[in-house]
């Protein structure tokens, strides 16, 4: 997922190394930083997935990045649904 933050983008994706349901942001953050090599991480509120985040730029996206972007769109979709549910 890409969010605009003061002229920069934040990339968000599901952790490849976190196991199980995510209940503690600190546990997720540790896996994201140490194993996934991202800058931060947090638990999604509804699906309890560990989401890793980092500042990113999409100047030169290689063709094989298409599948990664599809995963990011699915993550964005889940985050938007989660926000909608918590607003209700």
PDB file of N, CA and C in Angstrom:
ATOM      1  N   UNK A   1       0.844  -1.166   0.000  1.00  0.00           N
ATOM      2  CA  UNK A   1       0.000   0.000   0.000  1.00  0.00           C
ATOM      3  C   UNK A   1       0.888   1.227   0.000  1.00  0.00           C
ATOM      4  N   UNK A   2       0.490   2.249  -0.716  1.00  0.00           N
ATOM      5  CA  UNK A   2       1.284   3.463  -0.788  1.00  0.00           C
ATOM      6  C   UNK A   2       0.451   4.607  -0.235  1.00  0.00           C
ATOM      7  N   UNK A   3       0.968   5.290   0.752  1.00  0.00           N
ATOM      8  CA  UNK A   3       0.300   6.437   1.346  1.00  0.00           C
ATOM      9  C   UNK A   3       1.170   7.663   1.170  1.00  0.00           C
ATOM     10  N   UNK A   4       0.568   8.802   0.819  1.00  0.00           N
ATOM     11  CA  UNK A   4       1.346  10.031   0.715  1.00  0.00           C
ATOM     12  C   UNK A   4       1.639  10.588   2.094  1.00  0.00           C
ATOM     13  N   UNK A   5       2.892  10.860   2.387  1.00  0.00           N
ATOM     14  CA  UNK A   5       3.282  11.424   3.673  1.00  0.00           C
ATOM     15  C   UNK A   5       4.311  12.510   3.419  1.00  0.00           C
ATOM     16  N   UNK A   6       3.913  13.757   3.537  1.00  0.00           N
ATOM     17  CA  UNK A   6       4.806  14.894   3.356  1.00  0.00           C
ATOM     18  C   UNK A   6       5.666  14.749   2.102  1.00  0.00           C
ATOM     19  N   UNK A   7       5.019  14.459   0.962  1.00  0.00           N
ATOM     20  CA  UNK A   7       5.734  14.350  -0.290  1.00  0.00           C
ATOM     21  C   UNK A   7       6.482  13.047  -0.475  1.00  0.00           C
ATOM     22  N   UNK A   8       6.388  12.129   0.463  1.00  0.00           N
ATOM     23  CA  UNK A   8       7.059  10.840   0.342  1.00  0.00           C
ATOM     24  C   UNK A   8       6.008   9.737   0.331  1.00  0.00           C
ATOM     25  N   UNK A   9       6.417   8.566  -0.119  1.00  0.00           N
ATOM     26  CA  UNK A   9       5.515   7.417  -0.136  1.00  0.00           C
ATOM     27  C   UNK A   9       5.927   6.420   0.932  1.00  0.00           C
ATOM     28  N   UNK A  10       4.937   5.778   1.517  1.00  0.00           N
ATOM     29  CA  UNK A  10       5.202   4.698   2.461  1.00  0.00           C
ATOM     30  C   UNK A  10       4.697   3.415   1.820  1.00  0.00           C
ATOM     31  N   UNK A  11       5.595   2.455   1.634  1.00  0.00           N
ATOM     32  CA  UNK A  11       5.219   1.148   1.099  1.00  0.00           C
ATOM     33  C   UNK A  11       4.863   0.241   2.263  1.00  0.00           C
ATOM     34  N   UNK A  12       3.796  -0.513   2.087  1.00  0.00           N
ATOM     35  CA  UNK A  12       3.339  -1.424   3.135  1.00  0.00           C
ATOM     36  C   UNK A  12       3.052  -2.776   2.503  1.00  0.00           C
ATOM     37  N   UNK A  13       3.544  -3.836   3.117  1.00  0.00           N
ATOM     38  CA  UNK A  13       3.292  -5.185   2.621  1.00  0.00           C
ATOM     39  C   UNK A  13       3.260  -6.167   3.788  1.00  0.00           C
ATOM     40  N   UNK A  14       2.610  -7.284   3.584  1.00  0.00           N
ATOM     41  CA  UNK A  14       2.544  -8.324   4.610  1.00  0.00           C
ATOM     42  C   UNK A  14       3.927  -8.931   4.821  1.00  0.00           C
ATOM     43  N   UNK A  15       4.299  -9.123   6.079  1.00  0.00           N
ATOM     44  CA  UNK A  15       5.601  -9.711   6.407  1.00  0.00           C
ATOM     45  C   UNK A  15       5.721 -11.113   5.822  1.00  0.00           C
ATOM     46  N   UNK A  16       6.885 -11.399   5.272  1.00  0.00           N
ATOM     47  CA  UNK A  16       7.160 -12.734   4.717  1.00  0.00           C
ATOM     48  C   UNK A  16       7.643 -13.697   5.807  1.00  0.00           C
ATOM     49  N   UNK A  17       8.054 -13.169   6.966  1.00  0.00           N
ATOM     50  CA  UNK A  17       8.659 -14.001   8.002  1.00  0.00           C
ATOM     51  C   UNK A  17       7.839 -14.128   9.286  1.00  0.00           C
ATOM     52  N   UNK A  18       6.854 -13.259   9.507  1.00  0.00           N
ATOM     53  CA  UNK A  18       6.055 -13.310  10.734  1.00  0.00           C
ATOM     54  C   UNK A  18       5.154 -14.539  10.699  1.00  0.00           C
ATOM     55  N   UNK A  19       5.113 -15.282  11.783  1.00  0.00           N
ATOM     56  CA  UNK A  19       4.307 -16.507  11.877  1.00  0.00           C
ATOM     57  C   UNK A  19       3.128 -16.295  12.824  1.00  0.00           C
ATOM     58  N   UNK A  20       1.960 -16.769  12.427  1.00  0.00           N
ATOM     59  CA  UNK A  20       0.786 -16.718  13.289  1.00  0.00           C
ATOM     60  C   UNK A  20       0.039 -15.399  13.211  1.00  0.00           C
ATOM     61  N   UNK A  21      -0.924 -15.242  14.120  1.00  0.00           N
ATOM     62  CA  UNK A  21      -1.697 -14.010  14.191  1.00  0.00           C
ATOM     63  C   UNK A  21      -0.883 -12.923  14.877  1.00  0.00           C
ATOM     64  N   UNK A  22      -1.077 -11.711  14.444  1.00  0.00           N
ATOM     65  CA  UNK A  22      -0.311 -10.575  14.964  1.00  0.00           C
ATOM     66  C   UNK A  22      -1.140  -9.832  16.016  1.00  0.00           C
ATOM     67  N   UNK A  23      -0.671  -9.841  17.263  1.00  0.00           N
ATOM     68  CA  UNK A  23      -1.375  -9.166  18.355  1.00  0.00           C
ATOM     69  C   UNK A  23      -0.564  -8.021  18.942  1.00  0.00           C
ATOM     70  N   UNK A  24       0.766  -8.080  18.848  1.00  0.00           N
ATOM     71  CA  UNK A  24       1.624  -7.041  19.424  1.00  0.00           C
ATOM     72  C   UNK A  24       2.416  -6.342  18.326  1.00  0.00           C
ATOM     73  N   UNK A  25       2.224  -5.027  18.220  1.00  0.00           N
ATOM     74  CA  UNK A  25       2.973  -4.257  17.227  1.00  0.00           C
ATOM     75  C   UNK A  25       4.477  -4.429  17.414  1.00  0.00           C
ATOM     76  N   UNK A  26       4.918  -4.522  18.664  1.00  0.00           N
ATOM     77  CA  UNK A  26       6.359  -4.623  18.931  1.00  0.00           C
ATOM     78  C   UNK A  26       6.951  -5.910  18.350  1.00  0.00           C
ATOM     79  N   UNK A  27       6.214  -7.011  18.420  1.00  0.00           N
ATOM     80  CA  UNK A  27       6.691  -8.278  17.845  1.00  0.00           C
ATOM     81  C   UNK A  27       6.761  -8.187  16.329  1.00  0.00           C
ATOM     82  N   UNK A  28       5.738  -7.607  15.749  1.00  0.00           N
ATOM     83  CA  UNK A  28       5.690  -7.423  14.300  1.00  0.00           C
ATOM     84  C   UNK A  28       6.835  -6.519  13.848  1.00  0.00           C
ATOM     85  N   UNK A  29       7.001  -5.401  14.537  1.00  0.00           N
ATOM     86  CA  UNK A  29       8.050  -4.433  14.197  1.00  0.00           C
ATOM     87  C   UNK A  29       9.428  -5.100  14.207  1.00  0.00           C
ATOM     88  N   UNK A  30       9.679  -5.931  15.213  1.00  0.00           N
ATOM     89  CA  UNK A  30      10.976  -6.604  15.332  1.00  0.00           C
ATOM     90  C   UNK A  30      11.242  -7.509  14.126  1.00  0.00           C
ATOM     91  N   UNK A  31      10.242  -8.293  13.732  1.00  0.00           N
ATOM     92  CA  UNK A  31      10.396  -9.185  12.577  1.00  0.00           C
ATOM     93  C   UNK A  31      10.582  -8.369  11.299  1.00  0.00           C
ATOM     94  N   UNK A  32       9.789  -7.312  11.152  1.00  0.00           N
ATOM     95  CA  UNK A  32       9.893  -6.477   9.946  1.00  0.00           C
ATOM     96  C   UNK A  32      11.285  -5.864   9.809  1.00  0.00           C
ATOM     97  N   UNK A  33      11.826  -5.363  10.901  1.00  0.00           N
ATOM     98  CA  UNK A  33      13.134  -4.701  10.859  1.00  0.00           C
ATOM     99  C   UNK A  33      14.264  -5.712  10.707  1.00  0.00           C
ATOM    100  N   UNK A  34      14.257  -6.757  11.523  1.00  0.00           N
ATOM    101  CA  UNK A  34      15.387  -7.692  11.555  1.00  0.00           C
ATOM    102  C   UNK A  34      15.376  -8.719  10.426  1.00  0.00           C
ATOM    103  N   UNK A  35      14.211  -9.192  10.024  1.00  0.00           N
ATOM    104  CA  UNK A  35      14.164 -10.263   9.022  1.00  0.00           C
ATOM    105  C   UNK A  35      13.687  -9.804   7.650  1.00  0.00           C
ATOM    106  N   UNK A  36      12.654  -8.954   7.620  1.00  0.00           N
ATOM    107  CA  UNK A  36      12.130  -8.495   6.335  1.00  0.00           C
ATOM    108  C   UNK A  36      12.898  -7.295   5.779  1.00  0.00           C
ATOM    109  N   UNK A  37      13.758  -6.690   6.626  1.00  0.00           N
ATOM    110  CA  UNK A  37      14.592  -5.546   6.225  1.00  0.00           C
ATOM    111  C   UNK A  37      13.758  -4.319   5.844  1.00  0.00           C
ATOM    112  N   UNK A  38      12.665  -4.107   6.575  1.00  0.00           N
ATOM    113  CA  UNK A  38      11.857  -2.906   6.426  1.00  0.00           C
ATOM    114  C   UNK A  38      12.190  -1.959   7.572  1.00  0.00           C
ATOM    115  N   UNK A  39      11.623  -0.764   7.552  1.00  0.00           N
ATOM    116  CA  UNK A  39      11.927   0.245   8.569  1.00  0.00           C
ATOM    117  C   UNK A  39      11.013   0.164   9.785  1.00  0.00           C
ATOM    118  N   UNK A  40       9.809  -0.393   9.619  1.00  0.00           N
ATOM    119  CA  UNK A  40       8.839  -0.429  10.713  1.00  0.00           C
ATOM    120  C   UNK A  40       7.817  -1.526  10.428  1.00  0.00           C
ATOM    121  N   UNK A  41       6.922  -1.743  11.368  1.00  0.00           N
ATOM    122  CA  UNK A  41       5.873  -2.729  11.188  1.00  0.00           C
ATOM    123  C   UNK A  41       4.799  -2.579  12.245  1.00  0.00           C
ATOM    124  N   UNK A  42       3.590  -3.034  11.926  1.00  0.00           N
ATOM    125  CA  UNK A  42       2.480  -3.009  12.877  1.00  0.00           C
ATOM    126  C   UNK A  42       1.473  -4.091  12.507  1.00  0.00           C
ATOM    127  N   UNK A  43       0.594  -4.404  13.453  1.00  0.00           N
ATOM    128  CA  UNK A  43      -0.442  -5.415  13.231  1.00  0.00           C
ATOM    129  C   UNK A  43      -1.675  -4.759  12.619  1.00  0.00           C
ATOM    130  N   UNK A  44      -2.265  -5.433  11.631  1.00  0.00           N
ATOM    131  CA  UNK A  44      -3.546  -4.950  11.117  1.00  0.00           C
ATOM    132  C   UNK A  44      -4.603  -5.254  12.178  1.00  0.00           C
ATOM    133  N   UNK A  45      -5.581  -4.392  12.296  1.00  0.00           N
ATOM    134  CA  UNK A  45      -6.553  -4.517  13.378  1.00  0.00           C
ATOM    135  C   UNK A  45      -7.582  -5.620  13.142  1.00  0.00           C
ATOM    136  N   UNK A  46      -7.977  -5.828  11.902  1.00  0.00           N
ATOM    137  CA  UNK A  46      -9.034  -6.786  11.619  1.00  0.00           C
ATOM    138  C   UNK A  46      -8.497  -8.166  11.264  1.00  0.00           C
ATOM    139  N   UNK A  47      -7.577  -8.237  10.328  1.00  0.00           N
ATOM    140  CA  UNK A  47      -7.075  -9.532   9.867  1.00  0.00           C
ATOM    141  C   UNK A  47      -5.919 -10.058  10.711  1.00  0.00           C
ATOM    142  N   UNK A  48      -5.403  -9.237  11.628  1.00  0.00           N
ATOM    143  CA  UNK A  48      -4.311  -9.623  12.534  1.00  0.00           C
ATOM    144  C   UNK A  48      -3.075 -10.102  11.775  1.00  0.00           C
ATOM    145  N   UNK A  49      -2.761  -9.400  10.666  1.00  0.00           N
ATOM    146  CA  UNK A  49      -1.551  -9.689   9.898  1.00  0.00           C
ATOM    147  C   UNK A  49      -0.471  -8.702  10.291  1.00  0.00           C
ATOM    148  N   UNK A  50       0.775  -9.126  10.159  1.00  0.00           N
ATOM    149  CA  UNK A  50       1.909  -8.244  10.409  1.00  0.00           C
ATOM    150  C   UNK A  50       2.227  -7.504   9.116  1.00  0.00           C
ATOM    151  N   UNK A  51       2.123  -6.173   9.151  1.00  0.00           N
ATOM    152  CA  UNK A  51       2.372  -5.346   7.982  1.00  0.00           C
ATOM    153  C   UNK A  51       3.669  -4.568   8.164  1.00  0.00           C
ATOM    154  N   UNK A  52       4.586  -4.736   7.230  1.00  0.00           N
ATOM    155  CA  UNK A  52       5.876  -4.043   7.268  1.00  0.00           C
ATOM    156  C   UNK A  52       5.796  -2.781   6.419  1.00  0.00           C
ATOM    157  N   UNK A  53       6.467  -1.711   6.880  1.00  0.00           N
ATOM    158  CA  UNK A  53       6.435  -0.442   6.159  1.00  0.00           C
ATOM    159  C   UNK A  53       7.836   0.127   5.986  1.00  0.00           C
ATOM    160  N   UNK A  54       7.986   0.928   4.926  1.00  0.00           N
ATOM    161  CA  UNK A  54       9.230   1.658   4.685  1.00  0.00           C
ATOM    162  C   UNK A  54       8.949   2.781   3.702  1.00  0.00           C
ATOM    163  N   UNK A  55       9.800   3.800   3.716  1.00  0.00           N
ATOM    164  CA  UNK A  55       9.712   4.851   2.715  1.00  0.00           C
ATOM    165  C   UNK A  55      10.113   4.252   1.381  1.00  0.00           C
ATOM    166  N   UNK A  56       9.429   4.634   0.315  1.00  0.00           N
ATOM    167  CA  UNK A  56       9.755   4.049  -0.985  1.00  0.00           C
ATOM    168  C   UNK A  56       9.571   5.071  -2.098  1.00  0.00           C
ATOM    169  N   UNK A  57      10.143   4.746  -3.234  1.00  0.00           N
ATOM    170  CA  UNK A  57      10.003   5.553  -4.444  1.00  0.00           C
ATOM    171  C   UNK A  57       9.799   4.592  -5.598  1.00  0.00           C
ATOM    172  N   UNK A  58       8.928   4.957  -6.514  1.00  0.00           N
ATOM    173  CA  UNK A  58       8.631   4.095  -7.651  1.00  0.00           C
ATOM    174  C   UNK A  58       9.087   4.735  -8.952  1.00  0.00           C
ATOM    175  N   UNK A  59      10.337   5.142  -9.009  1.00  0.00           N
ATOM    176  CA  UNK A  59      10.848   5.750 -10.232  1.00  0.00           C
ATOM    177  C   UNK A  59      11.051   4.718 -11.331  1.00  0.00           C
ATOM    178  N   UNK A  60      11.771   3.657 -11.043  1.00  0.00           N
ATOM    179  CA  UNK A  60      12.075   2.621 -12.029  1.00  0.00           C
ATOM    180  C   UNK A  60      11.635   1.265 -11.500  1.00  0.00           C
ATOM    181  N   UNK A  61      10.391   0.902 -11.797  1.00  0.00           N
ATOM    182  CA  UNK A  61       9.854  -0.366 -11.317  1.00  0.00           C
ATOM    183  C   UNK A  61      10.176  -1.451 -12.345  1.00  0.00           C
ATOM    184  N   UNK A  62      10.904  -2.496 -11.953  1.00  0.00           N
ATOM    185  CA  UNK A  62      11.166  -3.589 -12.890  1.00  0.00           C
ATOM    186  C   UNK A  62       9.877  -4.348 -13.209  1.00  0.00           C
ATOM    187  N   UNK A  63       9.823  -4.995 -14.357  1.00  0.00           N
ATOM    188  CA  UNK A  63       8.617  -5.710 -14.794  1.00  0.00           C
ATOM    189  C   UNK A  63       8.163  -6.765 -13.800  1.00  0.00           C
ATOM    190  N   UNK A  64       9.093  -7.475 -13.159  1.00  0.00           N
ATOM    191  CA  UNK A  64       8.707  -8.527 -12.224  1.00  0.00           C
ATOM    192  C   UNK A  64       8.062  -7.964 -10.958  1.00  0.00           C
ATOM    193  N   UNK A  65       8.101  -6.658 -10.798  1.00  0.00           N
ATOM    194  CA  UNK A  65       7.483  -6.041  -9.622  1.00  0.00           C
ATOM    195  C   UNK A  65       5.964  -6.046  -9.721  1.00  0.00           C
ATOM    196  N   UNK A  66       5.425  -6.395 -10.868  1.00  0.00           N
ATOM    197  CA  UNK A  66       3.974  -6.419 -11.045  1.00  0.00           C
ATOM    198  C   UNK A  66       3.269  -7.291 -10.032  1.00  0.00           C
ATOM    199  N   UNK A  67       3.809  -8.461  -9.753  1.00  0.00           N
ATOM    200  CA  UNK A  67       3.167  -9.342  -8.778  1.00  0.00           C
ATOM    201  C   UNK A  67       3.243  -8.763  -7.379  1.00  0.00           C
ATOM    202  N   UNK A  68       4.319  -8.060  -7.063  1.00  0.00           N
ATOM    203  CA  UNK A  68       4.441  -7.407  -5.756  1.00  0.00           C
ATOM    204  C   UNK A  68       3.392  -6.307  -5.637  1.00  0.00           C
ATOM    205  N   UNK A  69       3.195  -5.541  -6.710  1.00  0.00           N
ATOM    206  CA  UNK A  69       2.206  -4.469  -6.686  1.00  0.00           C
ATOM    207  C   UNK A  69       0.793  -5.026  -6.532  1.00  0.00           C
ATOM    208  N   UNK A  70       0.499  -6.166  -7.129  1.00  0.00           N
ATOM    209  CA  UNK A  70      -0.811  -6.798  -6.959  1.00  0.00           C
ATOM    210  C   UNK A  70      -1.028  -7.147  -5.492  1.00  0.00           C
ATOM    211  N   UNK A  71      -0.009  -7.686  -4.827  1.00  0.00           N
ATOM    212  CA  UNK A  71      -0.110  -8.003  -3.399  1.00  0.00           C
ATOM    213  C   UNK A  71      -0.345  -6.731  -2.592  1.00  0.00           C
ATOM    214  N   UNK A  72       0.334  -5.639  -2.962  1.00  0.00           N
ATOM    215  CA  UNK A  72       0.152  -4.373  -2.259  1.00  0.00           C
ATOM    216  C   UNK A  72      -1.270  -3.853  -2.428  1.00  0.00           C
ATOM    217  N   UNK A  73      -1.862  -4.039  -3.609  1.00  0.00           N
ATOM    218  CA  UNK A  73      -3.242  -3.619  -3.839  1.00  0.00           C
ATOM    219  C   UNK A  73      -4.180  -4.417  -2.945  1.00  0.00           C
ATOM    220  N   UNK A  74      -3.945  -5.712  -2.813  1.00  0.00           N
ATOM    221  CA  UNK A  74      -4.771  -6.541  -1.930  1.00  0.00           C
ATOM    222  C   UNK A  74      -4.620  -6.100  -0.478  1.00  0.00           C
ATOM    223  N   UNK A  75      -3.408  -5.728  -0.073  1.00  0.00           N
ATOM    224  CA  UNK A  75      -3.184  -5.232   1.281  1.00  0.00           C
ATOM    225  C   UNK A  75      -3.921  -3.914   1.485  1.00  0.00           C
ATOM    226  N   UNK A  76      -3.867  -3.026   0.493  1.00  0.00           N
ATOM    227  CA  UNK A  76      -4.573  -1.746   0.557  1.00  0.00           C
ATOM    228  C   UNK A  76      -6.072  -1.983   0.682  1.00  0.00           C
ATOM    229  N   UNK A  77      -6.597  -2.901  -0.109  1.00  0.00           N
ATOM    230  CA  UNK A  77      -8.016  -3.213  -0.066  1.00  0.00           C
ATOM    231  C   UNK A  77      -8.431  -3.689   1.329  1.00  0.00           C
ATOM    232  N   UNK A  78      -7.634  -4.541   1.936  1.00  0.00           N
ATOM    233  CA  UNK A  78      -7.927  -5.041   3.280  1.00  0.00           C
ATOM    234  C   UNK A  78      -7.867  -3.912   4.306  1.00  0.00           C
ATOM    235  N   UNK A  79      -6.889  -3.017   4.170  1.00  0.00           N
ATOM    236  CA  UNK A  79      -6.760  -1.888   5.097  1.00  0.00           C
ATOM    237  C   UNK A  79      -7.964  -0.953   4.987  1.00  0.00           C
ATOM    238  N   UNK A  80      -8.424  -0.681   3.763  1.00  0.00           N
ATOM    239  CA  UNK A  80      -9.577   0.196   3.579  1.00  0.00           C
ATOM    240  C   UNK A  80     -10.837  -0.431   4.166  1.00  0.00           C
ATOM    241  N   UNK A  81     -11.016  -1.724   3.970  1.00  0.00           N
ATOM    242  CA  UNK A  81     -12.155  -2.431   4.553  1.00  0.00           C
ATOM    243  C   UNK A  81     -12.104  -2.359   6.073  1.00  0.00           C
ATOM    244  N   UNK A  82     -10.922  -2.547   6.611  1.00  0.00           N
ATOM    245  CA  UNK A  82     -10.721  -2.490   8.057  1.00  0.00           C
ATOM    246  C   UNK A  82     -11.098  -1.109   8.599  1.00  0.00           C
ATOM    247  N   UNK A  83     -10.672  -0.047   7.915  1.00  0.00           N
ATOM    248  CA  UNK A  83     -11.006   1.319   8.343  1.00  0.00           C
ATOM    249  C   UNK A  83     -12.509   1.535   8.317  1.00  0.00           C
ATOM    250  N   UNK A  84     -13.168   1.052   7.250  1.00  0.00           N
ATOM    251  CA  UNK A  84     -14.604   1.199   7.119  1.00  0.00           C
ATOM    252  C   UNK A  84     -15.341   0.522   8.273  1.00  0.00           C
ATOM    253  N   UNK A  85     -14.913  -0.670   8.619  1.00  0.00           N
ATOM    254  CA  UNK A  85     -15.556  -1.429   9.696  1.00  0.00           C
ATOM    255  C   UNK A  85     -15.382  -0.721  11.033  1.00  0.00           C
ATOM    256  N   UNK A  86     -14.202  -0.174  11.291  1.00  0.00           N
ATOM    257  CA  UNK A  86     -13.959   0.480  12.575  1.00  0.00           C
ATOM    258  C   UNK A  86     -14.634   1.839  12.678  1.00  0.00           C
ATOM    259  N   UNK A  87     -14.975   2.454  11.546  1.00  0.00           N
ATOM    260  CA  UNK A  87     -15.702   3.723  11.571  1.00  0.00           C
ATOM    261  C   UNK A  87     -17.171   3.512  11.919  1.00  0.00           C
ATOM    262  N   UNK A  88     -17.706   2.343  11.559  1.00  0.00           N
ATOM    263  CA  UNK A  88     -19.141   2.068  11.764  1.00  0.00           C
ATOM    264  C   UNK A  88     -19.480   1.898  13.227  1.00  0.00           C
TER     265      UNK A  88
END
